[in-house]
Each structure stands twice: as structure tokens, then as C-alpha cells.
Amino acid sequence: MSSIHVTNVKDASGNAALVTESGGVKTDKLTGISTAGSISVVGEGNSTTTNLQQGLAKHWSNFKMAGTFVLNDSFNQSAVTDAGAGTAAPVFTNNMANTTYSDVAMSTEITTSGDLNNKTAATYRIYGLNSSNSASDPTENCTIVVGDLA
């Protein structure tokens, strides 16, 4: 069997990928061959595959509701709006494809729940509740969303 040993690979447009000494590949873009937006990855047991895009979180955030709303850190979130006592509405930078995505939220010291009736492709709502089951603004909230981007 023949082998080709290279360090850099460039396509016709000049886009480059680097082959590292340990056999890894460094690149700025991965695109599926048969379907541009779909890449299969071999699973841990080497017997199944999973879709790379389906397995990624499409949004996550960490923000404060108590006092002034503060977005501490996030991915794919342009803002978080105060939607009333104990209620926040994270706003996506890039919308979801539909409203059938899964969102999970939790907060410190207070019960947190989501509202499946107020989801849109652009935002969703979470509610902070204290031990008396009354609306309350948590000091820290963590959210994550999985599903398809538009």
C-alpha cells in the first residue's frame, strides 16, 4: 500500500488544513461530503455513529436575574430580557428551526422551570420560584438548548 505524507493541504480556493505530528488535523471548517451540513462521527464503541451537528448544544447561558439582569456568559445569545417577576427570556442570536427544541434551566437556591407554551424560534422563558412557590429572581441561572438551528 502506498502512503502520501503531507504537512499542509490546500483546496483549489486556497483554504488550508494542517496535519499535525500526532496525526490530527487542524482546520477552520468541516463540511460533509454528501450533505454539507451533516457529518457522522464514529461513537465510543466503534460500532455506531452519531451526527455531529445533532449532538452539539446550540445555546447556553449563565445570567443573573436578582437586581439588575446581567448576562455573565453565553453562546448564541444576544440578550436576556426581564419578562416580569421571576421570569427571564433569553434571546437567541441565531434562531432555532422550530419550537420543538429542548431547553433546560436551573438556578441557585431557587426552583427553576421552563414554559413550553411560550417558546418561539427566537426565545423561551424560564421562571424562578422560591421555597413558597412564589416568583423570585435567582442570583444565578444556567440554561442550555439542544435542537436544530434555522
Protein backbone atom coordinates (compact mmCIF):
# COMPACT_ATOMS: atom_id res chain seq x y z
CA MET A 1 0.00 0.00 0.00
CA SER A 2 1.28 3.48 -0.85
CA SER A 3 1.28 6.42 1.54
CA ILE A 4 1.33 10.14 0.98
CA HIS A 5 2.92 12.18 3.76
CA VAL A 6 2.00 15.87 3.87
CA THR A 7 2.01 18.72 6.36
CA ASN A 8 -0.33 21.19 4.63
CA VAL A 9 -3.25 20.56 2.31
CA LYS A 10 -4.91 23.33 0.28
CA ASP A 11 -8.02 23.16 -1.83
CA ALA A 12 -8.48 24.98 -5.16
CA SER A 13 -9.64 28.12 -3.30
CA GLY A 14 -6.52 28.22 -1.13
CA ASN A 15 -8.24 27.04 2.08
CA ALA A 16 -5.70 25.16 4.16
CA ALA A 17 -5.70 22.32 6.67
CA LEU A 18 -2.69 21.33 8.76
CA VAL A 19 -1.75 17.73 9.52
CA THR A 20 -0.08 17.63 12.95
CA GLU A 21 2.80 15.40 14.04
CA SER A 22 0.43 13.28 16.14
CA GLY A 23 -1.83 12.58 13.15
CA GLY A 24 -4.51 15.16 13.97
CA VAL A 25 -5.91 17.68 11.52
CA LYS A 26 -6.30 21.39 12.21
CA THR A 27 -8.79 23.29 10.09
CA ASP A 28 -11.20 26.21 10.35
CA LYS A 29 -14.10 24.45 8.66
CA LEU A 30 -15.61 20.96 8.43
CA THR A 31 -18.20 20.23 5.76
CA GLY A 32 -19.91 16.94 4.98
CA ILE A 33 -19.28 15.48 1.52
CA SER A 34 -22.72 14.05 0.65
CA THR A 35 -24.64 16.65 2.71
CA ALA A 36 -22.79 19.86 3.59
CA GLY A 37 -24.48 20.27 6.99
CA SER A 38 -24.14 16.68 8.13
CA ILE A 39 -21.04 14.95 9.47
CA SER A 40 -21.16 11.48 11.05
CA VAL A 41 -18.76 10.68 13.87
CA VAL A 42 -17.90 7.14 14.95
CA GLY A 43 -19.08 6.56 18.53
CA GLU A 44 -17.04 5.49 21.53
CA GLY A 45 -17.53 1.75 20.92
CA ASN A 46 -16.53 2.00 17.23
CA SER A 47 -19.79 0.27 16.24
CA THR A 48 -22.23 3.17 15.90
CA THR A 49 -22.19 6.68 14.51
CA THR A 50 -23.72 9.91 15.70
CA ASN A 51 -24.45 13.11 13.81
CA LEU A 52 -22.02 15.83 14.89
CA GLN A 53 -24.45 18.74 14.45
CA GLN A 54 -27.29 16.98 16.31
CA GLY A 55 -25.04 16.30 19.28
CA LEU A 56 -23.97 19.90 19.89
CA ALA A 57 -25.56 22.40 22.25
CA LYS A 58 -26.99 25.22 20.13
CA HIS A 59 -27.26 27.67 23.02
CA TRP A 60 -26.17 28.04 26.63
CA SER A 61 -26.13 30.91 29.08
CA ASN A 62 -25.32 31.96 32.60
CA PHE A 63 -27.05 35.09 33.86
CA LYS A 64 -28.24 36.92 36.98
CA MET A 65 -31.87 37.94 37.46
CA ALA A 66 -31.67 39.38 41.01
CA GLY A 67 -31.44 43.18 40.95
CA THR A 68 -30.20 44.19 37.50
CA PHE A 69 -30.21 41.46 34.85
CA VAL A 70 -26.61 40.59 33.94
CA LEU A 71 -25.56 38.19 31.21
CA ASN A 72 -22.39 36.62 32.67
CA ASP A 73 -21.51 34.39 29.74
CA SER A 74 -23.30 32.74 26.85
CA PHE A 75 -23.21 31.09 23.45
CA ASN A 76 -25.73 32.05 20.73
CA GLN A 77 -27.50 34.56 22.96
CA SER A 78 -27.85 38.24 22.09
CA ALA A 79 -29.72 39.31 25.25
CA VAL A 80 -31.79 38.21 28.20
CA THR A 81 -34.96 40.20 28.86
CA ASP A 82 -36.76 40.75 32.13
CA ALA A 83 -40.22 39.32 31.41
CA GLY A 84 -41.66 40.00 34.87
CA ALA A 85 -41.11 38.88 38.47
CA GLY A 86 -39.03 35.71 38.44
CA THR A 87 -39.26 35.47 34.65
CA ALA A 88 -36.48 35.75 32.08
CA ALA A 89 -36.50 35.36 28.31
CA PRO A 90 -33.12 34.53 26.75
CA VAL A 91 -32.96 35.74 23.12
CA PHE A 92 -31.05 33.70 20.53
CA THR A 93 -28.51 35.31 18.21
CA ASN A 94 -29.27 32.63 15.60
CA ASN A 95 -32.84 31.33 15.80
CA MET A 96 -33.85 27.72 16.21
CA ALA A 97 -35.54 25.99 13.25
CA ASN A 98 -38.80 25.44 15.15
CA THR A 99 -40.26 25.26 18.66
CA THR A 100 -39.59 21.57 19.24
CA TYR A 101 -36.11 22.12 20.69
CA SER A 102 -35.30 21.08 24.27
CA ASP A 103 -34.40 23.71 26.82
CA VAL A 104 -33.14 23.01 30.32
CA ALA A 105 -32.74 25.60 33.06
CA MET A 106 -31.56 25.61 36.64
CA SER A 107 -30.72 28.24 39.20
CA THR A 108 -29.02 28.63 42.56
CA GLU A 109 -31.10 28.27 45.72
CA ILE A 110 -34.45 28.55 43.95
CA THR A 111 -36.60 26.16 41.90
CA THR A 112 -36.49 26.91 38.17
CA SER A 113 -38.91 25.80 35.50
CA GLY A 114 -39.46 26.40 31.81
CA ASP A 115 -42.64 27.26 29.96
CA LEU A 116 -43.35 25.05 26.98
CA ASN A 117 -46.24 27.30 25.88
CA ASN A 118 -44.17 30.47 25.42
CA LYS A 119 -41.37 29.08 23.24
CA THR A 120 -40.68 30.61 19.84
CA ALA A 121 -37.82 30.04 17.41
CA ALA A 122 -36.20 33.22 18.80
CA THR A 123 -36.67 32.92 22.58
CA TYR A 124 -38.02 30.90 25.50
CA ARG A 125 -38.94 31.70 29.10
CA ILE A 126 -37.71 30.43 32.42
CA TYR A 127 -39.28 31.04 35.81
CA GLY A 128 -37.62 31.32 39.20
CA LEU A 129 -39.65 30.20 42.20
CA ASN A 130 -38.74 30.40 45.88
CA SER A 131 -39.49 27.75 48.50
CA SER A 132 -43.04 29.17 48.90
CA ASN A 133 -43.58 28.64 45.15
CA SER A 134 -43.73 32.42 44.59
CA ALA A 135 -41.97 34.21 41.73
CA SER A 136 -38.44 35.19 42.70
CA ASP A 137 -35.36 36.43 40.82
CA PRO A 138 -32.44 33.98 41.28
CA THR A 139 -28.89 35.27 41.59
CA GLU A 140 -27.60 32.78 39.04
CA ASN A 141 -29.32 30.91 36.21
CA CYS A 142 -27.88 28.36 33.83
CA THR A 143 -29.62 27.28 30.61
CA ILE A 144 -28.87 25.01 27.68
CA VAL A 145 -30.74 24.33 24.44
CA VAL A 146 -30.39 21.42 22.01
CA GLY A 147 -32.22 21.06 18.70
CA ASP A 148 -31.93 22.31 15.12
CA LEU A 149 -30.82 25.81 14.16
CA ALA A 150 -32.75 27.60 11.42
